[in-house]
Amino acid sequence: MGFLDKAKSAAAEAAAKAKEGAEFAAQKAKETGETVQTKRELGSAFDELGQKAFELVGNGAISHGELTPLVEKIRELQAKLESIGESEADAPVEEHAETPV
């Protein structure tokens, strides 16, 4: 096998390895994106559940000892926001907590 044949063979191997690496990276990115999206959806579902539970406790449809302190805390925080003033309460909130898993 001549020098050029060896060089072509090495280039073909390198290209195949690069392609495999790119395919692997693309698959990992897709999986990571799906994981992030699923975690966001899960967090949203928890938020919706919490909102609904708060409403149900508020209108007396459900009651449970473990819900009472959480509802009270939400009411305290709502009152605090009202006392701060509407202009500041309407400002966007920065969230630093991770989405629950």
N, C-alpha and C. Protein backbone atom coordinates (compact mmCIF):
# COMPACT_ATOMS: atom_id res chain seq x y z
N MET A 1 0.84 -1.16 0.00
CA MET A 1 0.00 0.00 0.00
C MET A 1 0.90 1.23 0.00
N GLY A 2 0.59 2.16 -0.90
CA GLY A 2 1.41 3.35 -1.04
C GLY A 2 1.03 4.41 -0.02
N PHE A 3 1.86 5.43 -0.03
CA PHE A 3 1.67 6.53 0.91
C PHE A 3 0.30 7.17 0.74
N LEU A 4 -0.11 7.45 -0.49
CA LEU A 4 -1.41 8.09 -0.74
C LEU A 4 -2.57 7.20 -0.30
N ASP A 5 -2.42 5.91 -0.54
CA ASP A 5 -3.48 5.00 -0.11
C ASP A 5 -3.60 4.99 1.41
N LYS A 6 -2.46 5.00 2.11
CA LYS A 6 -2.47 5.05 3.56
C LYS A 6 -3.10 6.36 4.05
N ALA A 7 -2.77 7.45 3.40
CA ALA A 7 -3.31 8.76 3.80
C ALA A 7 -4.82 8.79 3.58
N LYS A 8 -5.29 8.24 2.46
CA LYS A 8 -6.73 8.20 2.17
C LYS A 8 -7.44 7.33 3.20
N SER A 9 -6.84 6.20 3.54
CA SER A 9 -7.43 5.30 4.52
C SER A 9 -7.53 5.97 5.90
N ALA A 10 -6.47 6.66 6.29
CA ALA A 10 -6.46 7.36 7.58
C ALA A 10 -7.50 8.48 7.59
N ALA A 11 -7.62 9.19 6.48
CA ALA A 11 -8.60 10.27 6.39
C ALA A 11 -10.02 9.71 6.47
N ALA A 12 -10.25 8.57 5.82
CA ALA A 12 -11.57 7.94 5.86
C ALA A 12 -11.91 7.49 7.28
N GLU A 13 -10.93 6.93 7.99
CA GLU A 13 -11.15 6.51 9.37
C GLU A 13 -11.45 7.72 10.26
N ALA A 14 -10.70 8.79 10.06
CA ALA A 14 -10.91 10.00 10.86
C ALA A 14 -12.30 10.57 10.59
N ALA A 15 -12.71 10.57 9.33
CA ALA A 15 -14.03 11.08 8.98
C ALA A 15 -15.13 10.21 9.61
N ALA A 16 -14.94 8.91 9.61
CA ALA A 16 -15.92 8.00 10.20
C ALA A 16 -16.02 8.23 11.71
N LYS A 17 -14.87 8.41 12.37
CA LYS A 17 -14.87 8.67 13.81
C LYS A 17 -15.52 10.02 14.11
N ALA A 18 -15.24 11.00 13.28
CA ALA A 18 -15.85 12.32 13.48
C ALA A 18 -17.36 12.24 13.32
N LYS A 19 -17.81 11.47 12.33
CA LYS A 19 -19.25 11.30 12.10
C LYS A 19 -19.89 10.61 13.30
N GLU A 20 -19.25 9.56 13.81
CA GLU A 20 -19.78 8.86 14.98
C GLU A 20 -19.87 9.80 16.18
N GLY A 21 -18.81 10.60 16.36
CA GLY A 21 -18.80 11.56 17.47
C GLY A 21 -19.91 12.59 17.33
N ALA A 22 -20.13 13.07 16.11
CA ALA A 22 -21.18 14.05 15.87
C ALA A 22 -22.55 13.44 16.11
N GLU A 23 -22.76 12.22 15.68
CA GLU A 23 -24.03 11.54 15.90
C GLU A 23 -24.28 11.33 17.39
N PHE A 24 -23.24 10.94 18.12
CA PHE A 24 -23.35 10.75 19.56
C PHE A 24 -23.71 12.06 20.24
N ALA A 25 -23.01 13.14 19.85
CA ALA A 25 -23.27 14.45 20.45
C ALA A 25 -24.69 14.92 20.14
N ALA A 26 -25.15 14.68 18.93
CA ALA A 26 -26.51 15.07 18.55
C ALA A 26 -27.54 14.30 19.38
N GLN A 27 -27.31 13.02 19.57
CA GLN A 27 -28.23 12.21 20.37
C GLN A 27 -28.25 12.69 21.82
N LYS A 28 -27.08 12.98 22.39
CA LYS A 28 -27.00 13.46 23.77
C LYS A 28 -27.72 14.81 23.91
N ALA A 29 -27.54 15.69 22.93
CA ALA A 29 -28.21 16.99 22.97
C ALA A 29 -29.72 16.82 22.91
N LYS A 30 -30.19 15.90 22.08
CA LYS A 30 -31.62 15.63 21.98
C LYS A 30 -32.15 15.11 23.31
N GLU A 31 -31.44 14.16 23.92
CA GLU A 31 -31.87 13.60 25.21
C GLU A 31 -31.86 14.67 26.30
N THR A 32 -30.84 15.51 26.29
CA THR A 32 -30.75 16.58 27.29
C THR A 32 -31.90 17.55 27.10
N GLY A 33 -32.19 17.91 25.86
CA GLY A 33 -33.30 18.81 25.58
C GLY A 33 -34.62 18.22 26.03
N GLU A 34 -34.82 16.94 25.78
CA GLU A 34 -36.05 16.28 26.20
C GLU A 34 -36.15 16.24 27.73
N THR A 35 -35.03 16.01 28.39
CA THR A 35 -35.01 15.98 29.86
C THR A 35 -35.37 17.35 30.42
N VAL A 36 -34.77 18.39 29.89
CA VAL A 36 -35.04 19.75 30.36
C VAL A 36 -36.51 20.10 30.14
N GLN A 37 -37.03 19.79 28.95
CA GLN A 37 -38.42 20.08 28.65
C GLN A 37 -39.36 19.31 29.58
N THR A 38 -39.05 18.04 29.83
CA THR A 38 -39.88 17.24 30.71
C THR A 38 -39.86 17.79 32.14
N LYS A 39 -38.70 18.23 32.61
CA LYS A 39 -38.60 18.82 33.94
C LYS A 39 -39.40 20.11 34.03
N ARG A 40 -39.39 20.91 32.96
CA ARG A 40 -40.19 22.14 32.96
C ARG A 40 -41.68 21.80 33.03
N GLU A 41 -42.09 20.82 32.24
CA GLU A 41 -43.49 20.41 32.25
C GLU A 41 -43.90 19.87 33.62
N LEU A 42 -43.00 19.11 34.24
CA LEU A 42 -43.28 18.57 35.57
C LEU A 42 -43.43 19.71 36.58
N GLY A 43 -42.54 20.67 36.53
CA GLY A 43 -42.63 21.82 37.42
C GLY A 43 -43.93 22.59 37.22
N SER A 44 -44.32 22.74 35.97
CA SER A 44 -45.57 23.42 35.66
C SER A 44 -46.76 22.64 36.21
N ALA A 45 -46.72 21.31 36.09
CA ALA A 45 -47.80 20.48 36.61
C ALA A 45 -47.89 20.60 38.13
N PHE A 46 -46.74 20.64 38.81
CA PHE A 46 -46.73 20.83 40.26
C PHE A 46 -47.31 22.20 40.62
N ASP A 47 -46.95 23.22 39.87
CA ASP A 47 -47.49 24.56 40.11
C ASP A 47 -49.01 24.57 39.97
N GLU A 48 -49.50 23.94 38.90
CA GLU A 48 -50.94 23.89 38.67
C GLU A 48 -51.64 23.13 39.80
N LEU A 49 -51.05 22.02 40.22
CA LEU A 49 -51.62 21.24 41.32
C LEU A 49 -51.68 22.08 42.59
N GLY A 50 -50.61 22.79 42.88
CA GLY A 50 -50.57 23.64 44.07
C GLY A 50 -51.61 24.74 44.02
N GLN A 51 -51.75 25.37 42.86
CA GLN A 51 -52.74 26.42 42.70
C GLN A 51 -54.15 25.87 42.91
N LYS A 52 -54.42 24.72 42.30
CA LYS A 52 -55.74 24.11 42.44
C LYS A 52 -56.01 23.71 43.90
N ALA A 53 -55.02 23.12 44.56
CA ALA A 53 -55.18 22.74 45.96
C ALA A 53 -55.45 23.97 46.81
N PHE A 54 -54.74 25.06 46.55
CA PHE A 54 -54.94 26.31 47.29
C PHE A 54 -56.38 26.80 47.11
N GLU A 55 -56.86 26.76 45.87
CA GLU A 55 -58.24 27.19 45.59
C GLU A 55 -59.24 26.29 46.31
N LEU A 56 -59.01 24.98 46.27
CA LEU A 56 -59.94 24.05 46.90
C LEU A 56 -59.97 24.21 48.42
N VAL A 57 -58.81 24.47 49.01
CA VAL A 57 -58.77 24.73 50.46
C VAL A 57 -59.49 26.04 50.75
N GLY A 58 -59.24 27.03 49.91
CA GLY A 58 -59.85 28.34 50.12
C GLY A 58 -61.37 28.32 50.07
N ASN A 59 -61.94 27.48 49.20
CA ASN A 59 -63.40 27.45 49.12
C ASN A 59 -64.01 26.32 49.95
N GLY A 60 -63.18 25.66 50.77
CA GLY A 60 -63.66 24.65 51.70
C GLY A 60 -63.93 23.29 51.10
N ALA A 61 -63.55 23.07 49.85
CA ALA A 61 -63.80 21.78 49.21
C ALA A 61 -62.91 20.68 49.78
N ILE A 62 -61.70 21.06 50.22
CA ILE A 62 -60.81 20.08 50.85
C ILE A 62 -60.19 20.70 52.09
N SER A 63 -59.78 19.84 52.99
CA SER A 63 -59.04 20.31 54.16
C SER A 63 -58.13 19.18 54.62
N HIS A 64 -56.97 19.58 55.06
CA HIS A 64 -56.00 18.61 55.58
C HIS A 64 -55.00 19.38 56.42
N GLY A 65 -54.61 18.80 57.51
CA GLY A 65 -53.69 19.46 58.43
C GLY A 65 -52.37 19.87 57.81
N GLU A 66 -51.90 19.10 56.86
CA GLU A 66 -50.62 19.44 56.23
C GLU A 66 -50.76 20.58 55.23
N LEU A 67 -51.96 20.83 54.74
CA LEU A 67 -52.19 21.92 53.80
C LEU A 67 -52.34 23.27 54.50
N THR A 68 -52.85 23.25 55.70
CA THR A 68 -53.17 24.49 56.42
C THR A 68 -51.97 25.42 56.55
N PRO A 69 -50.81 24.97 57.02
CA PRO A 69 -49.68 25.91 57.14
C PRO A 69 -49.21 26.45 55.79
N LEU A 70 -49.33 25.64 54.75
CA LEU A 70 -48.92 26.10 53.42
C LEU A 70 -49.86 27.18 52.90
N VAL A 71 -51.14 26.98 53.11
CA VAL A 71 -52.14 27.97 52.69
C VAL A 71 -51.93 29.26 53.48
N GLU A 72 -51.68 29.14 54.77
CA GLU A 72 -51.44 30.33 55.59
C GLU A 72 -50.21 31.09 55.11
N LYS A 73 -49.17 30.36 54.76
CA LYS A 73 -47.95 31.01 54.27
C LYS A 73 -48.23 31.76 52.97
N ILE A 74 -48.97 31.14 52.07
CA ILE A 74 -49.31 31.80 50.81
C ILE A 74 -50.11 33.07 51.08
N ARG A 75 -51.07 32.99 51.98
CA ARG A 75 -51.89 34.17 52.32
C ARG A 75 -51.03 35.27 52.93
N GLU A 76 -50.08 34.91 53.79
CA GLU A 76 -49.17 35.90 54.37
C GLU A 76 -48.33 36.57 53.29
N LEU A 77 -47.83 35.77 52.35
CA LEU A 77 -47.01 36.33 51.26
C LEU A 77 -47.84 37.22 50.35
N GLN A 78 -49.08 36.83 50.08
CA GLN A 78 -49.96 37.67 49.27
C GLN A 78 -50.22 39.00 49.97
N ALA A 79 -50.46 38.94 51.28
CA ALA A 79 -50.68 40.17 52.05
C ALA A 79 -49.44 41.05 52.03
N LYS A 80 -48.29 40.43 52.13
CA LYS A 80 -47.03 41.18 52.10
C LYS A 80 -46.88 41.89 50.76
N LEU A 81 -47.18 41.18 49.67
CA LEU A 81 -47.10 41.80 48.35
C LEU A 81 -48.06 42.99 48.25
N GLU A 82 -49.24 42.84 48.79
CA GLU A 82 -50.22 43.93 48.76
C GLU A 82 -49.71 45.12 49.55
N SER A 83 -49.05 44.86 50.69
CA SER A 83 -48.54 45.96 51.51
C SER A 83 -47.35 46.65 50.86
N ILE A 84 -46.60 45.92 50.05
CA ILE A 84 -45.46 46.52 49.35
C ILE A 84 -45.96 47.51 48.32
N GLY A 85 -47.04 47.16 47.68
CA GLY A 85 -47.60 48.05 46.66
C GLY A 85 -47.70 47.33 45.33
N GLU A 86 -48.68 47.71 44.57
CA GLU A 86 -48.94 47.07 43.29
C GLU A 86 -47.80 47.23 42.31
N SER A 87 -47.16 48.39 42.26
CA SER A 87 -46.12 48.60 41.25
C SER A 87 -44.94 47.66 41.44
N GLU A 88 -44.53 47.45 42.68
CA GLU A 88 -43.43 46.54 42.93
C GLU A 88 -43.88 45.10 42.85
N ALA A 89 -45.11 44.80 43.21
CA ALA A 89 -45.62 43.43 43.18
C ALA A 89 -45.75 42.91 41.76
N ASP A 90 -45.96 43.80 40.80
CA ASP A 90 -46.10 43.39 39.41
C ASP A 90 -44.78 43.21 38.69
N ALA A 91 -43.67 43.55 39.35
CA ALA A 91 -42.36 43.39 38.74
C ALA A 91 -42.07 41.90 38.54
N PRO A 92 -41.30 41.57 37.48
CA PRO A 92 -40.98 40.16 37.26
C PRO A 92 -40.17 39.58 38.42
N VAL A 93 -40.41 38.32 38.69
CA VAL A 93 -39.74 37.63 39.79
C VAL A 93 -38.66 36.75 39.20
N GLU A 94 -37.45 36.87 39.74
CA GLU A 94 -36.36 35.98 39.32
C GLU A 94 -36.41 34.73 40.15
N GLU A 95 -36.43 33.58 39.47
CA GLU A 95 -36.45 32.31 40.18
C GLU A 95 -35.07 31.68 40.09
N HIS A 96 -34.58 31.24 41.23
CA HIS A 96 -33.27 30.62 41.28
C HIS A 96 -33.34 29.15 41.66
N ALA A 97 -34.50 28.71 42.07
CA ALA A 97 -34.65 27.32 42.49
C ALA A 97 -34.76 26.41 41.26
N GLU A 98 -34.24 25.21 41.40
CA GLU A 98 -34.35 24.23 40.32
C GLU A 98 -35.75 23.67 40.27
N THR A 99 -36.13 23.19 39.09
CA THR A 99 -37.42 22.56 38.92
C THR A 99 -37.44 21.26 39.68
N PRO A 100 -38.52 21.01 40.44
CA PRO A 100 -38.58 19.75 41.19
C PRO A 100 -38.58 18.54 40.26
N VAL A 101 -37.98 17.51 40.77
CA VAL A 101 -37.90 16.28 39.95
C VAL A 101 -38.71 15.20 40.59
